[in-house]
Amino acid sequence: MDETIKHVTSVVYSGTFVGVGDGIHDAQGIAYTIPLDDGSNVLRLENFQSTNGPDLYVYLATDDNASEFLNLGELKANRGNQNYEIPDDADLTKFNKVLIWCKAFSVLFGSAELS
């Protein structure tokens, strides 16, 4: 997968994915939040890769346990550049973690702290 994004003028937050370190579940790459001309925001995953797993989703969360989270949708692919719409009312100072999360088993594959 290699989604593009047009007219990137700035990046507000960014973070690097760190896998959980168990040798099974892993995620790597960079996460960015990018404001678009229409006032919306996009979460962009670049040079992204993760191990395969069932039922993988992208969450914006308050912590690595997904205690509070916003579901941005199913992971589009386990490799490549990807874009996810961020809800307009998302507080990125609160939801400052990007998680690759297995919903079926409540397992973290990796996270990136946005700063």
PDB file of N, CA and C in Angstrom:
ATOM      1  N   MET A   1       0.850  -1.173   0.000  1.00  0.00           N
ATOM      2  CA  MET A   1       0.000   0.000   0.000  1.00  0.00           C
ATOM      3  C   MET A   1       0.892   1.231   0.000  1.00  0.00           C
ATOM      4  N   ASP A   2       0.490   2.243  -0.751  1.00  0.00           N
ATOM      5  CA  ASP A   2       1.263   3.475  -0.784  1.00  0.00           C
ATOM      6  C   ASP A   2       0.339   4.653  -1.050  1.00  0.00           C
ATOM      7  N   GLU A   3      -0.461   5.028  -0.043  1.00  0.00           N
ATOM      8  CA  GLU A   3      -1.343   6.180  -0.172  1.00  0.00           C
ATOM      9  C   GLU A   3      -0.514   7.456  -0.153  1.00  0.00           C
ATOM     10  N   THR A   4      -0.978   8.444  -0.890  1.00  0.00           N
ATOM     11  CA  THR A   4      -0.311   9.740  -0.900  1.00  0.00           C
ATOM     12  C   THR A   4      -1.203  10.756  -0.209  1.00  0.00           C
ATOM     13  N   ILE A   5      -0.632  11.918   0.036  1.00  0.00           N
ATOM     14  CA  ILE A   5      -1.387  13.027   0.597  1.00  0.00           C
ATOM     15  C   ILE A   5      -0.894  14.282  -0.104  1.00  0.00           C
ATOM     16  N   LYS A   6      -1.827  15.150  -0.513  1.00  0.00           N
ATOM     17  CA  LYS A   6      -1.470  16.331  -1.290  1.00  0.00           C
ATOM     18  C   LYS A   6      -1.323  17.550  -0.390  1.00  0.00           C
ATOM     19  N   HIS A   7      -0.460  18.419  -0.800  1.00  0.00           N
ATOM     20  CA  HIS A   7      -0.323  19.748  -0.200  1.00  0.00           C
ATOM     21  C   HIS A   7      -0.057  19.732   1.301  1.00  0.00           C
ATOM     22  N   VAL A   8       0.904  18.955   1.719  1.00  0.00           N
ATOM     23  CA  VAL A   8       1.281  18.944   3.131  1.00  0.00           C
ATOM     24  C   VAL A   8       2.098  20.197   3.409  1.00  0.00           C
ATOM     25  N   THR A   9       1.579  21.040   4.283  1.00  0.00           N
ATOM     26  CA  THR A   9       2.295  22.264   4.623  1.00  0.00           C
ATOM     27  C   THR A   9       2.922  22.195   6.003  1.00  0.00           C
ATOM     28  N   SER A  10       2.356  21.342   6.867  1.00  0.00           N
ATOM     29  CA  SER A  10       2.923  21.245   8.206  1.00  0.00           C
ATOM     30  C   SER A  10       2.516  19.930   8.861  1.00  0.00           C
ATOM     31  N   VAL A  11       3.292  19.567   9.851  1.00  0.00           N
ATOM     32  CA  VAL A  11       2.996  18.415  10.693  1.00  0.00           C
ATOM     33  C   VAL A  11       2.837  18.950  12.104  1.00  0.00           C
ATOM     34  N   VAL A  12       1.736  18.604  12.772  1.00  0.00           N
ATOM     35  CA  VAL A  12       1.499  19.118  14.119  1.00  0.00           C
ATOM     36  C   VAL A  12       2.139  18.212  15.165  1.00  0.00           C
ATOM     37  N   TYR A  13       1.878  16.919  15.071  1.00  0.00           N
ATOM     38  CA  TYR A  13       2.435  15.952  16.017  1.00  0.00           C
ATOM     39  C   TYR A  13       3.085  14.818  15.238  1.00  0.00           C
ATOM     40  N   SER A  14       4.090  14.201  15.843  1.00  0.00           N
ATOM     41  CA  SER A  14       4.706  13.025  15.223  1.00  0.00           C
ATOM     42  C   SER A  14       5.244  12.104  16.307  1.00  0.00           C
ATOM     43  N   GLY A  15       5.420  10.845  15.940  1.00  0.00           N
ATOM     44  CA  GLY A  15       5.969   9.859  16.858  1.00  0.00           C
ATOM     45  C   GLY A  15       6.433   8.631  16.101  1.00  0.00           C
ATOM     46  N   THR A  16       7.319   7.872  16.720  1.00  0.00           N
ATOM     47  CA  THR A  16       7.884   6.665  16.124  1.00  0.00           C
ATOM     48  C   THR A  16       7.276   5.437  16.787  1.00  0.00           C
ATOM     49  N   PHE A  17       6.848   4.493  15.968  1.00  0.00           N
ATOM     50  CA  PHE A  17       6.270   3.262  16.506  1.00  0.00           C
ATOM     51  C   PHE A  17       7.318   2.417  17.206  1.00  0.00           C
ATOM     52  N   VAL A  18       6.890   1.829  18.321  1.00  0.00           N
ATOM     53  CA  VAL A  18       7.695   0.884  19.085  1.00  0.00           C
ATOM     54  C   VAL A  18       6.841  -0.366  19.259  1.00  0.00           C
ATOM     55  N   GLY A  19       7.397  -1.514  18.905  1.00  0.00           N
ATOM     56  CA  GLY A  19       6.684  -2.778  19.097  1.00  0.00           C
ATOM     57  C   GLY A  19       6.659  -3.157  20.564  1.00  0.00           C
ATOM     58  N   VAL A  20       5.883  -4.169  20.890  1.00  0.00           N
ATOM     59  CA  VAL A  20       5.750  -4.562  22.292  1.00  0.00           C
ATOM     60  C   VAL A  20       6.933  -5.375  22.793  1.00  0.00           C
ATOM     61  N   GLY A  21       7.791  -5.848  21.895  1.00  0.00           N
ATOM     62  CA  GLY A  21       9.023  -6.513  22.322  1.00  0.00           C
ATOM     63  C   GLY A  21       8.879  -7.958  22.733  1.00  0.00           C
ATOM     64  N   ASP A  22       7.786  -8.598  22.300  1.00  0.00           N
ATOM     65  CA  ASP A  22       7.602 -10.001  22.672  1.00  0.00           C
ATOM     66  C   ASP A  22       8.031 -10.967  21.571  1.00  0.00           C
ATOM     67  N   GLY A  23       8.556 -10.443  20.464  1.00  0.00           N
ATOM     68  CA  GLY A  23       8.991 -11.287  19.361  1.00  0.00           C
ATOM     69  C   GLY A  23       7.860 -11.757  18.465  1.00  0.00           C
ATOM     70  N   ILE A  24       6.624 -11.415  18.806  1.00  0.00           N
ATOM     71  CA  ILE A  24       5.462 -11.841  18.018  1.00  0.00           C
ATOM     72  C   ILE A  24       4.707 -10.639  17.450  1.00  0.00           C
ATOM     73  N   HIS A  25       4.435  -9.669  18.301  1.00  0.00           N
ATOM     74  CA  HIS A  25       3.651  -8.495  17.916  1.00  0.00           C
ATOM     75  C   HIS A  25       4.598  -7.318  17.729  1.00  0.00           C
ATOM     76  N   ASP A  26       4.540  -6.684  16.545  1.00  0.00           N
ATOM     77  CA  ASP A  26       5.485  -5.606  16.275  1.00  0.00           C
ATOM     78  C   ASP A  26       4.860  -4.583  15.333  1.00  0.00           C
ATOM     79  N   ALA A  27       5.282  -3.339  15.474  1.00  0.00           N
ATOM     80  CA  ALA A  27       4.924  -2.262  14.553  1.00  0.00           C
ATOM     81  C   ALA A  27       6.099  -1.302  14.492  1.00  0.00           C
ATOM     82  N   GLN A  28       6.389  -0.817  13.294  1.00  0.00           N
ATOM     83  CA  GLN A  28       7.484   0.122  13.070  1.00  0.00           C
ATOM     84  C   GLN A  28       7.027   1.188  12.090  1.00  0.00           C
ATOM     85  N   GLY A  29       7.697   2.325  12.131  1.00  0.00           N
ATOM     86  CA  GLY A  29       7.389   3.418  11.222  1.00  0.00           C
ATOM     87  C   GLY A  29       7.157   4.701  11.988  1.00  0.00           C
ATOM     88  N   ILE A  30       6.647   5.692  11.272  1.00  0.00           N
ATOM     89  CA  ILE A  30       6.416   7.020  11.835  1.00  0.00           C
ATOM     90  C   ILE A  30       4.933   7.360  11.696  1.00  0.00           C
ATOM     91  N   ALA A  31       4.377   8.002  12.722  1.00  0.00           N
ATOM     92  CA  ALA A  31       3.001   8.513  12.682  1.00  0.00           C
ATOM     93  C   ALA A  31       3.051  10.033  12.728  1.00  0.00           C
ATOM     94  N   TYR A  32       2.254  10.680  11.892  1.00  0.00           N
ATOM     95  CA  TYR A  32       2.165  12.138  11.838  1.00  0.00           C
ATOM     96  C   TYR A  32       0.700  12.547  11.883  1.00  0.00           C
ATOM     97  N   THR A  33       0.411  13.691  12.482  1.00  0.00           N
ATOM     98  CA  THR A  33      -0.895  14.318  12.286  1.00  0.00           C
ATOM     99  C   THR A  33      -0.669  15.504  11.364  1.00  0.00           C
ATOM    100  N   ILE A  34      -1.503  15.580  10.343  1.00  0.00           N
ATOM    101  CA  ILE A  34      -1.334  16.597   9.308  1.00  0.00           C
ATOM    102  C   ILE A  34      -2.643  17.362   9.156  1.00  0.00           C
ATOM    103  N   PRO A  35      -2.612  18.700   9.339  1.00  0.00           N
ATOM    104  CA  PRO A  35      -3.810  19.503   9.092  1.00  0.00           C
ATOM    105  C   PRO A  35      -3.989  19.704   7.583  1.00  0.00           C
ATOM    106  N   LEU A  36      -5.226  19.569   7.123  1.00  0.00           N
ATOM    107  CA  LEU A  36      -5.521  19.761   5.704  1.00  0.00           C
ATOM    108  C   LEU A  36      -6.135  21.139   5.479  1.00  0.00           C
ATOM    109  N   ASP A  37      -6.157  21.556   4.232  1.00  0.00           N
ATOM    110  CA  ASP A  37      -6.671  22.877   3.880  1.00  0.00           C
ATOM    111  C   ASP A  37      -8.130  23.077   4.282  1.00  0.00           C
ATOM    112  N   ASP A  38      -8.907  21.998   4.331  1.00  0.00           N
ATOM    113  CA  ASP A  38     -10.325  22.119   4.673  1.00  0.00           C
ATOM    114  C   ASP A  38     -10.584  22.169   6.179  1.00  0.00           C
ATOM    115  N   GLY A  39      -9.516  22.170   6.990  1.00  0.00           N
ATOM    116  CA  GLY A  39      -9.653  22.249   8.437  1.00  0.00           C
ATOM    117  C   GLY A  39      -9.655  20.906   9.136  1.00  0.00           C
ATOM    118  N   SER A  40      -9.737  19.830   8.385  1.00  0.00           N
ATOM    119  CA  SER A  40      -9.702  18.498   8.986  1.00  0.00           C
ATOM    120  C   SER A  40      -8.258  18.064   9.227  1.00  0.00           C
ATOM    121  N   ASN A  41      -8.101  16.963   9.939  1.00  0.00           N
ATOM    122  CA  ASN A  41      -6.772  16.420  10.226  1.00  0.00           C
ATOM    123  C   ASN A  41      -6.707  14.965   9.788  1.00  0.00           C
ATOM    124  N   VAL A  42      -5.509  14.551   9.395  1.00  0.00           N
ATOM    125  CA  VAL A  42      -5.262  13.188   8.952  1.00  0.00           C
ATOM    126  C   VAL A  42      -4.124  12.612   9.776  1.00  0.00           C
ATOM    127  N   LEU A  43      -4.277  11.350  10.165  1.00  0.00           N
ATOM    128  CA  LEU A  43      -3.166  10.603  10.743  1.00  0.00           C
ATOM    129  C   LEU A  43      -2.490   9.883   9.595  1.00  0.00           C
ATOM    130  N   ARG A  44      -1.210  10.113   9.427  1.00  0.00           N
ATOM    131  CA  ARG A  44      -0.447   9.483   8.348  1.00  0.00           C
ATOM    132  C   ARG A  44       0.578   8.539   8.950  1.00  0.00           C
ATOM    133  N   LEU A  45       0.600   7.311   8.464  1.00  0.00           N
ATOM    134  CA  LEU A  45       1.621   6.337   8.827  1.00  0.00           C
ATOM    135  C   LEU A  45       2.577   6.235   7.652  1.00  0.00           C
ATOM    136  N   GLU A  46       3.865   6.477   7.900  1.00  0.00           N
ATOM    137  CA  GLU A  46       4.867   6.408   6.836  1.00  0.00           C
ATOM    138  C   GLU A  46       5.911   5.367   7.163  1.00  0.00           C
ATOM    139  N   ASN A  47       6.396   4.719   6.092  1.00  0.00           N
ATOM    140  CA  ASN A  47       7.372   3.632   6.233  1.00  0.00           C
ATOM    141  C   ASN A  47       6.892   2.633   7.278  1.00  0.00           C
ATOM    142  N   PHE A  48       5.595   2.405   7.265  1.00  0.00           N
ATOM    143  CA  PHE A  48       4.955   1.582   8.285  1.00  0.00           C
ATOM    144  C   PHE A  48       5.053   0.104   7.938  1.00  0.00           C
ATOM    145  N   GLN A  49       5.258  -0.701   8.958  1.00  0.00           N
ATOM    146  CA  GLN A  49       5.118  -2.148   8.828  1.00  0.00           C
ATOM    147  C   GLN A  49       4.772  -2.738  10.187  1.00  0.00           C
ATOM    148  N   SER A  50       3.952  -3.775  10.143  1.00  0.00           N
ATOM    149  CA  SER A  50       3.607  -4.493  11.369  1.00  0.00           C
ATOM    150  C   SER A  50       3.512  -5.975  11.050  1.00  0.00           C
ATOM    151  N   THR A  51       3.621  -6.777  12.091  1.00  0.00           N
ATOM    152  CA  THR A  51       3.391  -8.200  11.902  1.00  0.00           C
ATOM    153  C   THR A  51       1.906  -8.407  11.607  1.00  0.00           C
ATOM    154  N   ASN A  52       1.610  -9.469  10.894  1.00  0.00           N
ATOM    155  CA  ASN A  52       0.214  -9.794  10.589  1.00  0.00           C
ATOM    156  C   ASN A  52      -0.512 -10.224  11.853  1.00  0.00           C
ATOM    157  N   GLY A  53      -1.780  -9.918  11.879  1.00  0.00           N
ATOM    158  CA  GLY A  53      -2.608 -10.352  12.985  1.00  0.00           C
ATOM    159  C   GLY A  53      -4.061 -10.229  12.599  1.00  0.00           C
ATOM    160  N   PRO A  54      -4.929 -10.867  13.342  1.00  0.00           N
ATOM    161  CA  PRO A  54      -6.356 -10.761  13.051  1.00  0.00           C
ATOM    162  C   PRO A  54      -6.933  -9.462  13.606  1.00  0.00           C
ATOM    163  N   ASP A  55      -7.878  -8.882  12.883  1.00  0.00           N
ATOM    164  CA  ASP A  55      -8.706  -7.827  13.463  1.00  0.00           C
ATOM    165  C   ASP A  55      -7.895  -6.620  13.934  1.00  0.00           C
ATOM    166  N   LEU A  56      -6.900  -6.174  13.144  1.00  0.00           N
ATOM    167  CA  LEU A  56      -6.049  -5.050  13.547  1.00  0.00           C
ATOM    168  C   LEU A  56      -6.715  -3.718  13.214  1.00  0.00           C
ATOM    169  N   TYR A  57      -6.669  -2.809  14.191  1.00  0.00           N
ATOM    170  CA  TYR A  57      -7.254  -1.482  14.062  1.00  0.00           C
ATOM    171  C   TYR A  57      -6.230  -0.424  14.441  1.00  0.00           C
ATOM    172  N   VAL A  58      -6.507   0.812  13.989  1.00  0.00           N
ATOM    173  CA  VAL A  58      -5.698   1.974  14.357  1.00  0.00           C
ATOM    174  C   VAL A  58      -6.513   2.787  15.352  1.00  0.00           C
ATOM    175  N   TYR A  59      -5.942   2.993  16.533  1.00  0.00           N
ATOM    176  CA  TYR A  59      -6.593   3.775  17.583  1.00  0.00           C
ATOM    177  C   TYR A  59      -5.744   4.996  17.907  1.00  0.00           C
ATOM    178  N   LEU A  60      -6.409   6.095  18.240  1.00  0.00           N
ATOM    179  CA  LEU A  60      -5.797   7.182  18.998  1.00  0.00           C
ATOM    180  C   LEU A  60      -6.222   6.928  20.435  1.00  0.00           C
ATOM    181  N   ALA A  61      -5.272   6.883  21.352  1.00  0.00           N
ATOM    182  CA  ALA A  61      -5.592   6.472  22.719  1.00  0.00           C
ATOM    183  C   ALA A  61      -4.871   7.341  23.740  1.00  0.00           C
ATOM    184  N   THR A  62      -5.304   7.198  24.985  1.00  0.00           N
ATOM    185  CA  THR A  62      -4.681   7.926  26.089  1.00  0.00           C
ATOM    186  C   THR A  62      -3.504   7.163  26.680  1.00  0.00           C
ATOM    187  N   ASP A  63      -3.449   5.834  26.429  1.00  0.00           N
ATOM    188  CA  ASP A  63      -2.363   5.009  26.959  1.00  0.00           C
ATOM    189  C   ASP A  63      -2.233   3.741  26.123  1.00  0.00           C
ATOM    190  N   ASP A  64      -1.231   2.932  26.409  1.00  0.00           N
ATOM    191  CA  ASP A  64      -0.983   1.707  25.641  1.00  0.00           C
ATOM    192  C   ASP A  64      -1.992   0.598  25.915  1.00  0.00           C
ATOM    193  N   ASN A  65      -2.853   0.767  26.918  1.00  0.00           N
ATOM    194  CA  ASN A  65      -3.858  -0.243  27.248  1.00  0.00           C
ATOM    195  C   ASN A  65      -5.202   0.016  26.581  1.00  0.00           C
ATOM    196  N   ALA A  66      -5.282   1.083  25.790  1.00  0.00           N
ATOM    197  CA  ALA A  66      -6.535   1.476  25.135  1.00  0.00           C
ATOM    198  C   ALA A  66      -7.651   1.692  26.158  1.00  0.00           C
ATOM    199  N   SER A  67      -7.293   2.290  27.302  1.00  0.00           N
ATOM    200  CA  SER A  67      -8.293   2.592  28.333  1.00  0.00           C
ATOM    201  C   SER A  67      -9.367   3.525  27.782  1.00  0.00           C
ATOM    202  N   GLU A  68      -8.928   4.570  27.096  1.00  0.00           N
ATOM    203  CA  GLU A  68      -9.806   5.476  26.358  1.00  0.00           C
ATOM    204  C   GLU A  68      -9.214   5.594  24.969  1.00  0.00           C
ATOM    205  N   PHE A  69     -10.073   5.473  23.947  1.00  0.00           N
ATOM    206  CA  PHE A  69      -9.533   5.524  22.591  1.00  0.00           C
ATOM    207  C   PHE A  69     -10.574   6.007  21.590  1.00  0.00           C
ATOM    208  N   LEU A  70     -10.067   6.448  20.450  1.00  0.00           N
ATOM    209  CA  LEU A  70     -10.874   6.760  19.279  1.00  0.00           C
ATOM    210  C   LEU A  70     -10.478   5.766  18.201  1.00  0.00           C
ATOM    211  N   ASN A  71     -11.442   5.072  17.656  1.00  0.00           N
ATOM    212  CA  ASN A  71     -11.191   4.071  16.624  1.00  0.00           C
ATOM    213  C   ASN A  71     -11.134   4.777  15.269  1.00  0.00           C
ATOM    214  N   LEU A  72      -9.970   4.746  14.614  1.00  0.00           N
ATOM    215  CA  LEU A  72      -9.822   5.373  13.303  1.00  0.00           C
ATOM    216  C   LEU A  72     -10.095   4.400  12.161  1.00  0.00           C
ATOM    217  N   GLY A  73     -10.336   3.150  12.490  1.00  0.00           N
ATOM    218  CA  GLY A  73     -10.687   2.182  11.458  1.00  0.00           C
ATOM    219  C   GLY A  73      -9.725   1.017  11.401  1.00  0.00           C
ATOM    220  N   GLU A  74     -10.080   0.062  10.558  1.00  0.00           N
ATOM    221  CA  GLU A  74      -9.231  -1.113  10.375  1.00  0.00           C
ATOM    222  C   GLU A  74      -7.897  -0.710   9.758  1.00  0.00           C
ATOM    223  N   LEU A  75      -6.837  -1.392  10.166  1.00  0.00           N
ATOM    224  CA  LEU A  75      -5.533  -1.198   9.548  1.00  0.00           C
ATOM    225  C   LEU A  75      -5.664  -1.586   8.082  1.00  0.00           C
ATOM    226  N   LYS A  76      -5.271  -0.683   7.187  1.00  0.00           N
ATOM    227  CA  LYS A  76      -5.473  -0.896   5.754  1.00  0.00           C
ATOM    228  C   LYS A  76      -4.528  -1.940   5.180  1.00  0.00           C
ATOM    229  N   ALA A  77      -3.327  -2.013   5.708  1.00  0.00           N
ATOM    230  CA  ALA A  77      -2.328  -2.979   5.235  1.00  0.00           C
ATOM    231  C   ALA A  77      -1.244  -3.072   6.294  1.00  0.00           C
ATOM    232  N   ASN A  78      -0.500  -4.170   6.310  1.00  0.00           N
ATOM    233  CA  ASN A  78       0.552  -4.282   7.320  1.00  0.00           C
ATOM    234  C   ASN A  78       1.876  -3.696   6.831  1.00  0.00           C
ATOM    235  N   ARG A  79       1.883  -3.083   5.640  1.00  0.00           N
ATOM    236  CA  ARG A  79       3.066  -2.386   5.123  1.00  0.00           C
ATOM    237  C   ARG A  79       2.642  -1.182   4.290  1.00  0.00           C
ATOM    238  N   GLY A  80       3.441  -0.122   4.368  1.00  0.00           N
ATOM    239  CA  GLY A  80       3.246   0.999   3.458  1.00  0.00           C
ATOM    240  C   GLY A  80       2.728   2.252   4.125  1.00  0.00           C
ATOM    241  N   ASN A  81       2.599   3.289   3.305  1.00  0.00           N
ATOM    242  CA  ASN A  81       2.114   4.591   3.744  1.00  0.00           C
ATOM    243  C   ASN A  81       0.590   4.586   3.726  1.00  0.00           C
ATOM    244  N   GLN A  82      -0.014   5.092   4.812  1.00  0.00           N
ATOM    245  CA  GLN A  82      -1.464   5.025   4.964  1.00  0.00           C
ATOM    246  C   GLN A  82      -1.982   6.294   5.613  1.00  0.00           C
ATOM    247  N   ASN A  83      -3.216   6.665   5.272  1.00  0.00           N
ATOM    248  CA  ASN A  83      -3.868   7.842   5.835  1.00  0.00           C
ATOM    249  C   ASN A  83      -5.173   7.444   6.514  1.00  0.00           C
ATOM    250  N   TYR A  84      -5.446   8.077   7.663  1.00  0.00           N
ATOM    251  CA  TYR A  84      -6.678   7.839   8.412  1.00  0.00           C
ATOM    252  C   TYR A  84      -7.258   9.184   8.829  1.00  0.00           C
ATOM    253  N   GLU A  85      -8.552   9.382   8.588  1.00  0.00           N
ATOM    254  CA  GLU A  85      -9.208  10.617   9.004  1.00  0.00           C
ATOM    255  C   GLU A  85      -9.313  10.662  10.524  1.00  0.00           C
ATOM    256  N   ILE A  86      -9.006  11.821  11.081  1.00  0.00           N
ATOM    257  CA  ILE A  86      -9.141  12.047  12.522  1.00  0.00           C
ATOM    258  C   ILE A  86     -10.453  12.799  12.744  1.00  0.00           C
ATOM    259  N   PRO A  87     -11.308  12.337  13.658  1.00  0.00           N
ATOM    260  CA  PRO A  87     -12.562  13.061  13.920  1.00  0.00           C
ATOM    261  C   PRO A  87     -12.285  14.515  14.302  1.00  0.00           C
ATOM    262  N   ASP A  88     -13.163  15.399  13.851  1.00  0.00           N
ATOM    263  CA  ASP A  88     -12.977  16.833  14.091  1.00  0.00           C
ATOM    264  C   ASP A  88     -12.906  17.183  15.568  1.00  0.00           C
ATOM    265  N   ASP A  89     -13.603  16.435  16.418  1.00  0.00           N
ATOM    266  CA  ASP A  89     -13.633  16.761  17.844  1.00  0.00           C
ATOM    267  C   ASP A  89     -12.552  16.040  18.656  1.00  0.00           C
ATOM    268  N   ALA A  90     -11.608  15.384  17.983  1.00  0.00           N
ATOM    269  CA  ALA A  90     -10.547  14.646  18.691  1.00  0.00           C
ATOM    270  C   ALA A  90      -9.587  15.618  19.369  1.00  0.00           C
ATOM    271  N   ASP A  91      -9.355  15.420  20.645  1.00  0.00           N
ATOM    272  CA  ASP A  91      -8.396  16.220  21.411  1.00  0.00           C
ATOM    273  C   ASP A  91      -7.045  15.504  21.362  1.00  0.00           C
ATOM    274  N   LEU A  92      -6.164  15.978  20.495  1.00  0.00           N
ATOM    275  CA  LEU A  92      -4.879  15.303  20.305  1.00  0.00           C
ATOM    276  C   LEU A  92      -3.905  15.532  21.451  1.00  0.00           C
ATOM    277  N   THR A  93      -4.223  16.445  22.360  1.00  0.00           N
ATOM    278  CA  THR A  93      -3.395  16.563  23.565  1.00  0.00           C
ATOM    279  C   THR A  93      -3.763  15.469  24.563  1.00  0.00           C
ATOM    280  N   LYS A  94      -5.002  14.971  24.476  1.00  0.00           N
ATOM    281  CA  LYS A  94      -5.449  13.873  25.338  1.00  0.00           C
ATOM    282  C   LYS A  94      -5.167  12.517  24.686  1.00  0.00           C
ATOM    283  N   PHE A  95      -5.566  12.366  23.437  1.00  0.00           N
ATOM    284  CA  PHE A  95      -5.379  11.112  22.699  1.00  0.00           C
ATOM    285  C   PHE A  95      -4.058  11.193  21.936  1.00  0.00           C
ATOM    286  N   ASN A  96      -2.965  11.069  22.682  1.00  0.00           N
ATOM    287  CA  ASN A  96      -1.639  11.314  22.113  1.00  0.00           C
ATOM    288  C   ASN A  96      -0.846  10.041  21.831  1.00  0.00           C
ATOM    289  N   LYS A  97      -1.519   8.912  21.793  1.00  0.00           N
ATOM    290  CA  LYS A  97      -0.878   7.633  21.446  1.00  0.00           C
ATOM    291  C   LYS A  97      -1.581   7.056  20.227  1.00  0.00           C
ATOM    292  N   VAL A  98      -0.796   6.570  19.283  1.00  0.00           N
ATOM    293  CA  VAL A  98      -1.337   5.824  18.152  1.00  0.00           C
ATOM    294  C   VAL A  98      -1.069   4.356  18.437  1.00  0.00           C
ATOM    295  N   LEU A  99      -2.120   3.551  18.443  1.00  0.00           N
ATOM    296  CA  LEU A  99      -1.979   2.128  18.730  1.00  0.00           C
ATOM    297  C   LEU A  99      -2.346   1.300  17.506  1.00  0.00           C
ATOM    298  N   ILE A 100      -1.614   0.235  17.286  1.00  0.00           N
ATOM    299  CA  ILE A 100      -2.037  -0.825  16.384  1.00  0.00           C
ATOM    300  C   ILE A 100      -2.559  -1.918  17.311  1.00  0.00           C
ATOM    301  N   TRP A 101      -3.863  -2.143  17.268  1.00  0.00           N
ATOM    302  CA  TRP A 101      -4.555  -2.919  18.291  1.00  0.00           C
ATOM    303  C   TRP A 101      -5.366  -4.050  17.665  1.00  0.00           C
ATOM    304  N   CYS A 102      -5.232  -5.229  18.213  1.00  0.00           N
ATOM    305  CA  CYS A 102      -6.051  -6.378  17.817  1.00  0.00           C
ATOM    306  C   CYS A 102      -7.317  -6.367  18.670  1.00  0.00           C
ATOM    307  N   LYS A 103      -8.457  -6.046  18.036  1.00  0.00           N
ATOM    308  CA  LYS A 103      -9.724  -5.994  18.774  1.00  0.00           C
ATOM    309  C   LYS A 103     -10.150  -7.369  19.275  1.00  0.00           C
ATOM    310  N   ALA A 104      -9.954  -8.390  18.464  1.00  0.00           N
ATOM    311  CA  ALA A 104     -10.444  -9.728  18.812  1.00  0.00           C
ATOM    312  C   ALA A 104      -9.839 -10.250  20.112  1.00  0.00           C
ATOM    313  N   PHE A 105      -8.556  -9.948  20.337  1.00  0.00           N
ATOM    314  CA  PHE A 105      -7.866 -10.484  21.512  1.00  0.00           C
ATOM    315  C   PHE A 105      -7.379  -9.400  22.480  1.00  0.00           C
ATOM    316  N   SER A 106      -7.719  -8.131  22.209  1.00  0.00           N
ATOM    317  CA  SER A 106      -7.277  -7.004  23.046  1.00  0.00           C
ATOM    318  C   SER A 106      -5.769  -7.034  23.256  1.00  0.00           C
ATOM    319  N   VAL A 107      -5.037  -7.080  22.137  1.00  0.00           N
ATOM    320  CA  VAL A 107      -3.578  -7.162  22.180  1.00  0.00           C
ATOM    321  C   VAL A 107      -2.972  -5.987  21.420  1.00  0.00           C
ATOM    322  N   LEU A 108      -2.011  -5.338  22.053  1.00  0.00           N
ATOM    323  CA  LEU A 108      -1.253  -4.261  21.428  1.00  0.00           C
ATOM    324  C   LEU A 108      -0.150  -4.848  20.550  1.00  0.00           C
ATOM    325  N   PHE A 109      -0.031  -4.330  19.325  1.00  0.00           N
ATOM    326  CA  PHE A 109       1.069  -4.720  18.442  1.00  0.00           C
ATOM    327  C   PHE A 109       2.191  -3.689  18.487  1.00  0.00           C
ATOM    328  N   GLY A 110       1.839  -2.417  18.646  1.00  0.00           N
ATOM    329  CA  GLY A 110       2.837  -1.364  18.750  1.00  0.00           C
ATOM    330  C   GLY A 110       2.164  -0.031  18.971  1.00  0.00           C
ATOM    331  N   SER A 111       2.953   0.946  19.419  1.00  0.00           N
ATOM    332  CA  SER A 111       2.405   2.274  19.686  1.00  0.00           C
ATOM    333  C   SER A 111       3.414   3.346  19.318  1.00  0.00           C
ATOM    334  N   ALA A 112       2.881   4.531  19.041  1.00  0.00           N
ATOM    335  CA  ALA A 112       3.701   5.712  18.787  1.00  0.00           C
ATOM    336  C   ALA A 112       3.148   6.839  19.647  1.00  0.00           C
ATOM    337  N   GLU A 113       4.013   7.470  20.421  1.00  0.00           N
ATOM    338  CA  GLU A 113       3.592   8.609  21.239  1.00  0.00           C
ATOM    339  C   GLU A 113       3.748   9.877  20.423  1.00  0.00           C
ATOM    340  N   LEU A 114       2.649  10.612  20.267  1.00  0.00           N
ATOM    341  CA  LEU A 114       2.659  11.840  19.484  1.00  0.00           C
ATOM    342  C   LEU A 114       3.090  13.009  20.356  1.00  0.00           C
ATOM    343  N   SER A 115       4.056  13.759  19.868  1.00  0.00           N
ATOM    344  CA  SER A 115       4.487  14.963  20.598  1.00  0.00           C
ATOM    345  C   SER A 115       4.858  16.037  19.609  1.00  0.00           C
TER     346      SER A 115
END
